[in-house]
Amino acid sequence: MIYLRWVLIILLFYLIYRVLKGLIRPRPRSETQGVRSKPNNIRNNAYGNDLLVQDPHCGVYLPRSEAVANTVNGQTFYFCSEDCKEEFLKAQK
């Protein structure tokens, strides 16, 4: 019977901890919450409103505002540098 009391006390403290943690530091909400379909090469950045994009040549993720953009056949690609862009375009030919 005494063990059950300790288990209930520990459970109560844990629940209070979770509630206080949620009040002090709520989860960040994303801009695209609820949107199920987004391309695999674009991810949401948890530290700002800028989206992370993946360089198709070397696979590096970087903020879209810092990326070098290029449109090929109506599709926009984002690159980490001019060198990666040039290598990608050479491989497409």
PDB file of N, CA and C in Angstrom:
ATOM      1  N   MET A   1       0.818  -1.183   0.000  1.00  0.00           N
ATOM      2  CA  MET A   1       0.000   0.000   0.000  1.00  0.00           C
ATOM      3  C   MET A   1       0.875   1.266   0.000  1.00  0.00           C
ATOM      4  N   ILE A   2       1.984   1.228   0.727  1.00  0.00           N
ATOM      5  CA  ILE A   2       2.867   2.385   0.787  1.00  0.00           C
ATOM      6  C   ILE A   2       3.560   2.615  -0.556  1.00  0.00           C
ATOM      7  N   TYR A   3       3.822   1.545  -1.310  1.00  0.00           N
ATOM      8  CA  TYR A   3       4.450   1.678  -2.620  1.00  0.00           C
ATOM      9  C   TYR A   3       3.497   2.345  -3.604  1.00  0.00           C
ATOM     10  N   LEU A   4       2.239   2.026  -3.520  1.00  0.00           N
ATOM     11  CA  LEU A   4       1.239   2.639  -4.389  1.00  0.00           C
ATOM     12  C   LEU A   4       1.166   4.145  -4.130  1.00  0.00           C
ATOM     13  N   ARG A   5       1.276   4.559  -2.904  1.00  0.00           N
ATOM     14  CA  ARG A   5       1.260   5.977  -2.558  1.00  0.00           C
ATOM     15  C   ARG A   5       2.460   6.693  -3.185  1.00  0.00           C
ATOM     16  N   TRP A   6       3.642   6.077  -3.124  1.00  0.00           N
ATOM     17  CA  TRP A   6       4.834   6.690  -3.720  1.00  0.00           C
ATOM     18  C   TRP A   6       4.718   6.783  -5.236  1.00  0.00           C
ATOM     19  N   VAL A   7       4.155   5.763  -5.840  1.00  0.00           N
ATOM     20  CA  VAL A   7       3.967   5.778  -7.292  1.00  0.00           C
ATOM     21  C   VAL A   7       3.023   6.917  -7.677  1.00  0.00           C
ATOM     22  N   LEU A   8       1.943   7.096  -6.933  1.00  0.00           N
ATOM     23  CA  LEU A   8       0.998   8.169  -7.222  1.00  0.00           C
ATOM     24  C   LEU A   8       1.628   9.548  -7.005  1.00  0.00           C
ATOM     25  N   ILE A   9       2.450   9.693  -5.981  1.00  0.00           N
ATOM     26  CA  ILE A   9       3.124  10.965  -5.727  1.00  0.00           C
ATOM     27  C   ILE A   9       4.105  11.290  -6.856  1.00  0.00           C
ATOM     28  N   ILE A  10       4.853  10.309  -7.291  1.00  0.00           N
ATOM     29  CA  ILE A  10       5.812  10.507  -8.394  1.00  0.00           C
ATOM     30  C   ILE A  10       5.066  10.863  -9.673  1.00  0.00           C
ATOM     31  N   LEU A  11       3.966  10.178  -9.949  1.00  0.00           N
ATOM     32  CA  LEU A  11       3.157  10.461 -11.130  1.00  0.00           C
ATOM     33  C   LEU A  11       2.599  11.877 -11.072  1.00  0.00           C
ATOM     34  N   LEU A  12       2.141  12.309  -9.911  1.00  0.00           N
ATOM     35  CA  LEU A  12       1.618  13.652  -9.748  1.00  0.00           C
ATOM     36  C   LEU A  12       2.699  14.703 -10.001  1.00  0.00           C
ATOM     37  N   PHE A  13       3.905  14.500  -9.468  1.00  0.00           N
ATOM     38  CA  PHE A  13       5.001  15.436  -9.712  1.00  0.00           C
ATOM     39  C   PHE A  13       5.385  15.477 -11.194  1.00  0.00           C
ATOM     40  N   TYR A  14       5.358  14.340 -11.839  1.00  0.00           N
ATOM     41  CA  TYR A  14       5.680  14.300 -13.263  1.00  0.00           C
ATOM     42  C   TYR A  14       4.647  15.088 -14.072  1.00  0.00           C
ATOM     43  N   LEU A  15       3.388  14.927 -13.764  1.00  0.00           N
ATOM     44  CA  LEU A  15       2.340  15.657 -14.483  1.00  0.00           C
ATOM     45  C   LEU A  15       2.463  17.165 -14.251  1.00  0.00           C
ATOM     46  N   ILE A  16       2.755  17.574 -13.035  1.00  0.00           N
ATOM     47  CA  ILE A  16       2.950  18.994 -12.748  1.00  0.00           C
ATOM     48  C   ILE A  16       4.151  19.528 -13.524  1.00  0.00           C
ATOM     49  N   TYR A  17       5.220  18.755 -13.583  1.00  0.00           N
ATOM     50  CA  TYR A  17       6.413  19.143 -14.341  1.00  0.00           C
ATOM     51  C   TYR A  17       6.076  19.354 -15.813  1.00  0.00           C
ATOM     52  N   ARG A  18       5.329  18.440 -16.410  1.00  0.00           N
ATOM     53  CA  ARG A  18       4.980  18.540 -17.836  1.00  0.00           C
ATOM     54  C   ARG A  18       4.116  19.764 -18.115  1.00  0.00           C
ATOM     55  N   VAL A  19       3.175  20.036 -17.230  1.00  0.00           N
ATOM     56  CA  VAL A  19       2.310  21.200 -17.414  1.00  0.00           C
ATOM     57  C   VAL A  19       3.127  22.489 -17.317  1.00  0.00           C
ATOM     58  N   LEU A  20       3.986  22.591 -16.318  1.00  0.00           N
ATOM     59  CA  LEU A  20       4.804  23.789 -16.163  1.00  0.00           C
ATOM     60  C   LEU A  20       5.782  23.953 -17.323  1.00  0.00           C
ATOM     61  N   LYS A  21       6.329  22.878 -17.799  1.00  0.00           N
ATOM     62  CA  LYS A  21       7.254  22.932 -18.936  1.00  0.00           C
ATOM     63  C   LYS A  21       6.529  23.446 -20.183  1.00  0.00           C
ATOM     64  N   GLY A  22       5.298  23.008 -20.398  1.00  0.00           N
ATOM     65  CA  GLY A  22       4.515  23.465 -21.535  1.00  0.00           C
ATOM     66  C   GLY A  22       4.133  24.932 -21.434  1.00  0.00           C
ATOM     67  N   LEU A  23       3.918  25.412 -20.234  1.00  0.00           N
ATOM     68  CA  LEU A  23       3.564  26.820 -20.048  1.00  0.00           C
ATOM     69  C   LEU A  23       4.769  27.735 -20.215  1.00  0.00           C
ATOM     70  N   ILE A  24       5.915  27.293 -19.762  1.00  0.00           N
ATOM     71  CA  ILE A  24       7.120  28.118 -19.817  1.00  0.00           C
ATOM     72  C   ILE A  24       7.711  28.129 -21.221  1.00  0.00           C
ATOM     73  N   ARG A  25       7.772  26.989 -21.838  1.00  0.00           N
ATOM     74  CA  ARG A  25       8.406  26.869 -23.154  1.00  0.00           C
ATOM     75  C   ARG A  25       7.473  26.135 -24.105  1.00  0.00           C
ATOM     76  N   PRO A  26       6.500  26.820 -24.724  1.00  0.00           N
ATOM     77  CA  PRO A  26       5.585  26.142 -25.639  1.00  0.00           C
ATOM     78  C   PRO A  26       6.292  25.721 -26.922  1.00  0.00           C
ATOM     79  N   ARG A  27       5.728  24.772 -27.608  1.00  0.00           N
ATOM     80  CA  ARG A  27       6.290  24.280 -28.869  1.00  0.00           C
ATOM     81  C   ARG A  27       6.218  25.362 -29.933  1.00  0.00           C
ATOM     82  N   PRO A  28       7.241  25.448 -30.787  1.00  0.00           N
ATOM     83  CA  PRO A  28       7.161  26.407 -31.901  1.00  0.00           C
ATOM     84  C   PRO A  28       6.172  25.897 -32.950  1.00  0.00           C
ATOM     85  N   ARG A  29       5.392  26.802 -33.478  1.00  0.00           N
ATOM     86  CA  ARG A  29       4.422  26.436 -34.515  1.00  0.00           C
ATOM     87  C   ARG A  29       5.024  26.758 -35.864  1.00  0.00           C
ATOM     88  N   SER A  30       4.864  25.853 -36.807  1.00  0.00           N
ATOM     89  CA  SER A  30       5.430  26.088 -38.128  1.00  0.00           C
ATOM     90  C   SER A  30       4.422  26.836 -38.990  1.00  0.00           C
ATOM     91  N   GLU A  31       4.940  27.529 -39.988  1.00  0.00           N
ATOM     92  CA  GLU A  31       4.120  28.293 -40.907  1.00  0.00           C
ATOM     93  C   GLU A  31       3.225  27.384 -41.728  1.00  0.00           C
ATOM     94  N   THR A  32       3.704  26.203 -42.024  1.00  0.00           N
ATOM     95  CA  THR A  32       2.989  25.287 -42.908  1.00  0.00           C
ATOM     96  C   THR A  32       2.313  24.169 -42.133  1.00  0.00           C
ATOM     97  N   GLN A  33       1.917  24.430 -40.908  1.00  0.00           N
ATOM     98  CA  GLN A  33       1.287  23.390 -40.095  1.00  0.00           C
ATOM     99  C   GLN A  33      -0.024  22.972 -40.744  1.00  0.00           C
ATOM    100  N   GLY A  34      -0.237  21.705 -40.853  1.00  0.00           N
ATOM    101  CA  GLY A  34      -1.445  21.181 -41.469  1.00  0.00           C
ATOM    102  C   GLY A  34      -1.267  20.848 -42.933  1.00  0.00           C
ATOM    103  N   VAL A  35      -0.196  21.322 -43.557  1.00  0.00           N
ATOM    104  CA  VAL A  35       0.064  21.016 -44.956  1.00  0.00           C
ATOM    105  C   VAL A  35       0.784  19.682 -45.010  1.00  0.00           C
ATOM    106  N   ARG A  36       0.182  18.720 -45.694  1.00  0.00           N
ATOM    107  CA  ARG A  36       0.753  17.378 -45.716  1.00  0.00           C
ATOM    108  C   ARG A  36       1.748  17.171 -46.844  1.00  0.00           C
ATOM    109  N   SER A  37       1.510  17.781 -47.978  1.00  0.00           N
ATOM    110  CA  SER A  37       2.383  17.504 -49.110  1.00  0.00           C
ATOM    111  C   SER A  37       3.299  18.686 -49.371  1.00  0.00           C
ATOM    112  N   LYS A  38       4.570  18.485 -49.128  1.00  0.00           N
ATOM    113  CA  LYS A  38       5.582  19.455 -49.516  1.00  0.00           C
ATOM    114  C   LYS A  38       6.761  18.674 -50.070  1.00  0.00           C
ATOM    115  N   PRO A  39       7.508  19.285 -50.969  1.00  0.00           N
ATOM    116  CA  PRO A  39       8.614  18.555 -51.597  1.00  0.00           C
ATOM    117  C   PRO A  39       9.631  18.079 -50.567  1.00  0.00           C
ATOM    118  N   ASN A  40      10.285  16.971 -50.894  1.00  0.00           N
ATOM    119  CA  ASN A  40      11.277  16.390 -49.985  1.00  0.00           C
ATOM    120  C   ASN A  40      12.516  17.255 -49.836  1.00  0.00           C
ATOM    121  N   ASN A  41      12.771  18.145 -50.810  1.00  0.00           N
ATOM    122  CA  ASN A  41      13.997  18.932 -50.735  1.00  0.00           C
ATOM    123  C   ASN A  41      13.797  20.256 -50.013  1.00  0.00           C
ATOM    124  N   ILE A  42      12.585  20.532 -49.467  1.00  0.00           N
ATOM    125  CA  ILE A  42      12.336  21.757 -48.717  1.00  0.00           C
ATOM    126  C   ILE A  42      11.883  21.384 -47.320  1.00  0.00           C
ATOM    127  N   ARG A  43      12.531  21.903 -46.315  1.00  0.00           N
ATOM    128  CA  ARG A  43      12.198  21.627 -44.918  1.00  0.00           C
ATOM    129  C   ARG A  43      12.003  22.945 -44.193  1.00  0.00           C
ATOM    130  N   ASN A  44      11.222  22.925 -43.121  1.00  0.00           N
ATOM    131  CA  ASN A  44      10.985  24.123 -42.329  1.00  0.00           C
ATOM    132  C   ASN A  44      12.125  24.334 -41.342  1.00  0.00           C
ATOM    133  N   ASN A  45      12.585  25.548 -41.226  1.00  0.00           N
ATOM    134  CA  ASN A  45      13.639  25.887 -40.287  1.00  0.00           C
ATOM    135  C   ASN A  45      13.012  26.220 -38.946  1.00  0.00           C
ATOM    136  N   ALA A  46      13.409  25.526 -37.890  1.00  0.00           N
ATOM    137  CA  ALA A  46      12.807  25.724 -36.574  1.00  0.00           C
ATOM    138  C   ALA A  46      13.254  27.022 -35.924  1.00  0.00           C
ATOM    139  N   TYR A  47      14.291  27.669 -36.417  1.00  0.00           N
ATOM    140  CA  TYR A  47      14.824  28.874 -35.780  1.00  0.00           C
ATOM    141  C   TYR A  47      14.438  30.146 -36.496  1.00  0.00           C
ATOM    142  N   GLY A  48      13.551  30.089 -37.448  1.00  0.00           N
ATOM    143  CA  GLY A  48      13.137  31.299 -38.153  1.00  0.00           C
ATOM    144  C   GLY A  48      12.094  30.979 -39.195  1.00  0.00           C
ATOM    145  N   ASN A  49      11.721  31.971 -39.955  1.00  0.00           N
ATOM    146  CA  ASN A  49      10.693  31.787 -40.967  1.00  0.00           C
ATOM    147  C   ASN A  49      11.268  31.380 -42.313  1.00  0.00           C
ATOM    148  N   ASP A  50      12.581  31.396 -42.439  1.00  0.00           N
ATOM    149  CA  ASP A  50      13.216  31.024 -43.690  1.00  0.00           C
ATOM    150  C   ASP A  50      13.179  29.511 -43.865  1.00  0.00           C
ATOM    151  N   LEU A  51      12.896  29.050 -45.071  1.00  0.00           N
ATOM    152  CA  LEU A  51      12.854  27.618 -45.345  1.00  0.00           C
ATOM    153  C   LEU A  51      14.244  27.090 -45.653  1.00  0.00           C
ATOM    154  N   LEU A  52      14.497  25.867 -45.231  1.00  0.00           N
ATOM    155  CA  LEU A  52      15.742  25.199 -45.589  1.00  0.00           C
ATOM    156  C   LEU A  52      15.519  24.466 -46.900  1.00  0.00           C
ATOM    157  N   VAL A  53      16.469  24.586 -47.792  1.00  0.00           N
ATOM    158  CA  VAL A  53      16.409  23.890 -49.074  1.00  0.00           C
ATOM    159  C   VAL A  53      17.650  23.024 -49.211  1.00  0.00           C
ATOM    160  N   GLN A  54      17.509  21.963 -49.998  1.00  0.00           N
ATOM    161  CA  GLN A  54      18.624  21.035 -50.176  1.00  0.00           C
ATOM    162  C   GLN A  54      19.243  21.231 -51.554  1.00  0.00           C
ATOM    163  N   ASP A  55      20.542  21.366 -51.567  1.00  0.00           N
ATOM    164  CA  ASP A  55      21.278  21.453 -52.823  1.00  0.00           C
ATOM    165  C   ASP A  55      21.183  20.088 -53.507  1.00  0.00           C
ATOM    166  N   PRO A  56      20.664  20.022 -54.747  1.00  0.00           N
ATOM    167  CA  PRO A  56      20.513  18.721 -55.416  1.00  0.00           C
ATOM    168  C   PRO A  56      21.842  18.092 -55.829  1.00  0.00           C
ATOM    169  N   HIS A  57      22.898  18.892 -55.903  1.00  0.00           N
ATOM    170  CA  HIS A  57      24.190  18.348 -56.319  1.00  0.00           C
ATOM    171  C   HIS A  57      24.960  17.723 -55.158  1.00  0.00           C
ATOM    172  N   CYS A  58      25.135  18.500 -54.068  1.00  0.00           N
ATOM    173  CA  CYS A  58      25.956  17.990 -52.958  1.00  0.00           C
ATOM    174  C   CYS A  58      25.139  17.583 -51.737  1.00  0.00           C
ATOM    175  N   GLY A  59      23.832  17.904 -51.696  1.00  0.00           N
ATOM    176  CA  GLY A  59      22.973  17.452 -50.616  1.00  0.00           C
ATOM    177  C   GLY A  59      22.994  18.302 -49.358  1.00  0.00           C
ATOM    178  N   VAL A  60      23.648  19.462 -49.398  1.00  0.00           N
ATOM    179  CA  VAL A  60      23.740  20.348 -48.229  1.00  0.00           C
ATOM    180  C   VAL A  60      22.417  21.091 -48.052  1.00  0.00           C
ATOM    181  N   TYR A  61      21.969  21.233 -46.786  1.00  0.00           N
ATOM    182  CA  TYR A  61      20.801  22.045 -46.479  1.00  0.00           C
ATOM    183  C   TYR A  61      21.258  23.447 -46.095  1.00  0.00           C
ATOM    184  N   LEU A  62      20.552  24.464 -46.612  1.00  0.00           N
ATOM    185  CA  LEU A  62      20.866  25.837 -46.281  1.00  0.00           C
ATOM    186  C   LEU A  62      19.602  26.686 -46.382  1.00  0.00           C
ATOM    187  N   PRO A  63      19.573  27.849 -45.723  1.00  0.00           N
ATOM    188  CA  PRO A  63      18.396  28.714 -45.822  1.00  0.00           C
ATOM    189  C   PRO A  63      18.197  29.186 -47.261  1.00  0.00           C
ATOM    190  N   ARG A  64      16.941  29.248 -47.673  1.00  0.00           N
ATOM    191  CA  ARG A  64      16.638  29.624 -49.056  1.00  0.00           C
ATOM    192  C   ARG A  64      17.151  31.034 -49.378  1.00  0.00           C
ATOM    193  N   SER A  65      17.164  31.916 -48.387  1.00  0.00           N
ATOM    194  CA  SER A  65      17.627  33.283 -48.636  1.00  0.00           C
ATOM    195  C   SER A  65      19.125  33.340 -48.946  1.00  0.00           C
ATOM    196  N   GLU A  66      19.888  32.345 -48.536  1.00  0.00           N
ATOM    197  CA  GLU A  66      21.333  32.310 -48.795  1.00  0.00           C
ATOM    198  C   GLU A  66      21.691  31.457 -50.007  1.00  0.00           C
ATOM    199  N   ALA A  67      20.711  30.786 -50.599  1.00  0.00           N
ATOM    200  CA  ALA A  67      20.973  29.856 -51.696  1.00  0.00           C
ATOM    201  C   ALA A  67      21.042  30.586 -53.038  1.00  0.00           C
ATOM    202  N   VAL A  68      21.715  29.952 -53.980  1.00  0.00           N
ATOM    203  CA  VAL A  68      21.781  30.418 -55.363  1.00  0.00           C
ATOM    204  C   VAL A  68      20.677  29.685 -56.117  1.00  0.00           C
ATOM    205  N   ALA A  69      19.706  30.440 -56.627  1.00  0.00           N
ATOM    206  CA  ALA A  69      18.556  29.830 -57.293  1.00  0.00           C
ATOM    207  C   ALA A  69      18.773  29.771 -58.794  1.00  0.00           C
ATOM    208  N   ASN A  70      18.240  28.712 -59.416  1.00  0.00           N
ATOM    209  CA  ASN A  70      18.299  28.569 -60.862  1.00  0.00           C
ATOM    210  C   ASN A  70      17.082  27.760 -61.299  1.00  0.00           C
ATOM    211  N   THR A  71      16.431  28.189 -62.379  1.00  0.00           N
ATOM    212  CA  THR A  71      15.259  27.492 -62.891  1.00  0.00           C
ATOM    213  C   THR A  71      15.644  26.693 -64.122  1.00  0.00           C
ATOM    214  N   VAL A  72      15.332  25.398 -64.099  1.00  0.00           N
ATOM    215  CA  VAL A  72      15.622  24.504 -65.212  1.00  0.00           C
ATOM    216  C   VAL A  72      14.317  23.805 -65.585  1.00  0.00           C
ATOM    217  N   ASN A  73      13.891  23.997 -66.825  1.00  0.00           N
ATOM    218  CA  ASN A  73      12.648  23.396 -67.335  1.00  0.00           C
ATOM    219  C   ASN A  73      11.450  23.692 -66.433  1.00  0.00           C
ATOM    220  N   GLY A  74      11.359  24.918 -65.941  1.00  0.00           N
ATOM    221  CA  GLY A  74      10.234  25.328 -65.108  1.00  0.00           C
ATOM    222  C   GLY A  74      10.324  24.919 -63.650  1.00  0.00           C
ATOM    223  N   GLN A  75      11.364  24.212 -63.262  1.00  0.00           N
ATOM    224  CA  GLN A  75      11.541  23.796 -61.863  1.00  0.00           C
ATOM    225  C   GLN A  75      12.715  24.572 -61.266  1.00  0.00           C
ATOM    226  N   THR A  76      12.488  25.156 -60.078  1.00  0.00           N
ATOM    227  CA  THR A  76      13.528  25.948 -59.424  1.00  0.00           C
ATOM    228  C   THR A  76      14.372  25.058 -58.519  1.00  0.00           C
ATOM    229  N   PHE A  77      15.682  25.153 -58.695  1.00  0.00           N
ATOM    230  CA  PHE A  77      16.639  24.433 -57.866  1.00  0.00           C
ATOM    231  C   PHE A  77      17.436  25.458 -57.060  1.00  0.00           C
ATOM    232  N   TYR A  78      17.828  25.065 -55.846  1.00  0.00           N
ATOM    233  CA  TYR A  78      18.610  25.938 -54.978  1.00  0.00           C
ATOM    234  C   TYR A  78      19.952  25.279 -54.706  1.00  0.00           C
ATOM    235  N   PHE A  79      21.032  26.074 -54.826  1.00  0.00           N
ATOM    236  CA  PHE A  79      22.386  25.553 -54.692  1.00  0.00           C
ATOM    237  C   PHE A  79      23.135  26.300 -53.596  1.00  0.00           C
ATOM    238  N   CYS A  80      24.130  25.630 -53.005  1.00  0.00           N
ATOM    239  CA  CYS A  80      24.921  26.250 -51.948  1.00  0.00           C
ATOM    240  C   CYS A  80      25.972  27.192 -52.511  1.00  0.00           C
ATOM    241  N   SER A  81      26.367  26.993 -53.774  1.00  0.00           N
ATOM    242  CA  SER A  81      27.385  27.856 -54.381  1.00  0.00           C
ATOM    243  C   SER A  81      27.237  27.835 -55.897  1.00  0.00           C
ATOM    244  N   GLU A  82      27.935  28.762 -56.530  1.00  0.00           N
ATOM    245  CA  GLU A  82      27.940  28.812 -57.995  1.00  0.00           C
ATOM    246  C   GLU A  82      28.607  27.562 -58.569  1.00  0.00           C
ATOM    247  N   ASP A  83      29.622  27.038 -57.877  1.00  0.00           N
ATOM    248  CA  ASP A  83      30.307  25.835 -58.356  1.00  0.00           C
ATOM    249  C   ASP A  83      29.358  24.640 -58.410  1.00  0.00           C
ATOM    250  N   CYS A  84      28.563  24.461 -57.355  1.00  0.00           N
ATOM    251  CA  CYS A  84      27.604  23.345 -57.343  1.00  0.00           C
ATOM    252  C   CYS A  84      26.558  23.527 -58.443  1.00  0.00           C
ATOM    253  N   LYS A  85      26.140  24.773 -58.657  1.00  0.00           N
ATOM    254  CA  LYS A  85      25.164  25.039 -59.715  1.00  0.00           C
ATOM    255  C   LYS A  85      25.730  24.651 -61.074  1.00  0.00           C
ATOM    256  N   GLU A  86      26.971  25.062 -61.337  1.00  0.00           N
ATOM    257  CA  GLU A  86      27.602  24.748 -62.625  1.00  0.00           C
ATOM    258  C   GLU A  86      27.783  23.242 -62.813  1.00  0.00           C
ATOM    259  N   GLU A  87      28.216  22.540 -61.768  1.00  0.00           N
ATOM    260  CA  GLU A  87      28.388  21.075 -61.854  1.00  0.00           C
ATOM    261  C   GLU A  87      27.050  20.383 -62.124  1.00  0.00           C
ATOM    262  N   PHE A  88      26.014  20.852 -61.455  1.00  0.00           N
ATOM    263  CA  PHE A  88      24.675  20.275 -61.656  1.00  0.00           C
ATOM    264  C   PHE A  88      24.206  20.494 -63.082  1.00  0.00           C
ATOM    265  N   LEU A  89      24.393  21.702 -63.594  1.00  0.00           N
ATOM    266  CA  LEU A  89      23.960  22.008 -64.974  1.00  0.00           C
ATOM    267  C   LEU A  89      24.748  21.205 -65.993  1.00  0.00           C
ATOM    268  N   LYS A  90      26.050  20.985 -65.731  1.00  0.00           N
ATOM    269  CA  LYS A  90      26.861  20.142 -66.628  1.00  0.00           C
ATOM    270  C   LYS A  90      26.344  18.713 -66.636  1.00  0.00           C
ATOM    271  N   ALA A  91      25.959  18.196 -65.472  1.00  0.00           N
ATOM    272  CA  ALA A  91      25.468  16.818 -65.387  1.00  0.00           C
ATOM    273  C   ALA A  91      24.102  16.660 -66.028  1.00  0.00           C
ATOM    274  N   GLN A  92      23.326  17.722 -66.129  1.00  0.00           N
ATOM    275  CA  GLN A  92      22.000  17.662 -66.738  1.00  0.00           C
ATOM    276  C   GLN A  92      22.065  17.586 -68.256  1.00  0.00           C
ATOM    277  N   LYS A  93      23.179  18.038 -68.859  1.00  0.00           N
ATOM    278  CA  LYS A  93      23.315  18.046 -70.334  1.00  0.00           C
ATOM    279  C   LYS A  93      23.651  16.699 -70.881  1.00  0.00           C
TER     280      LYS A  93
END
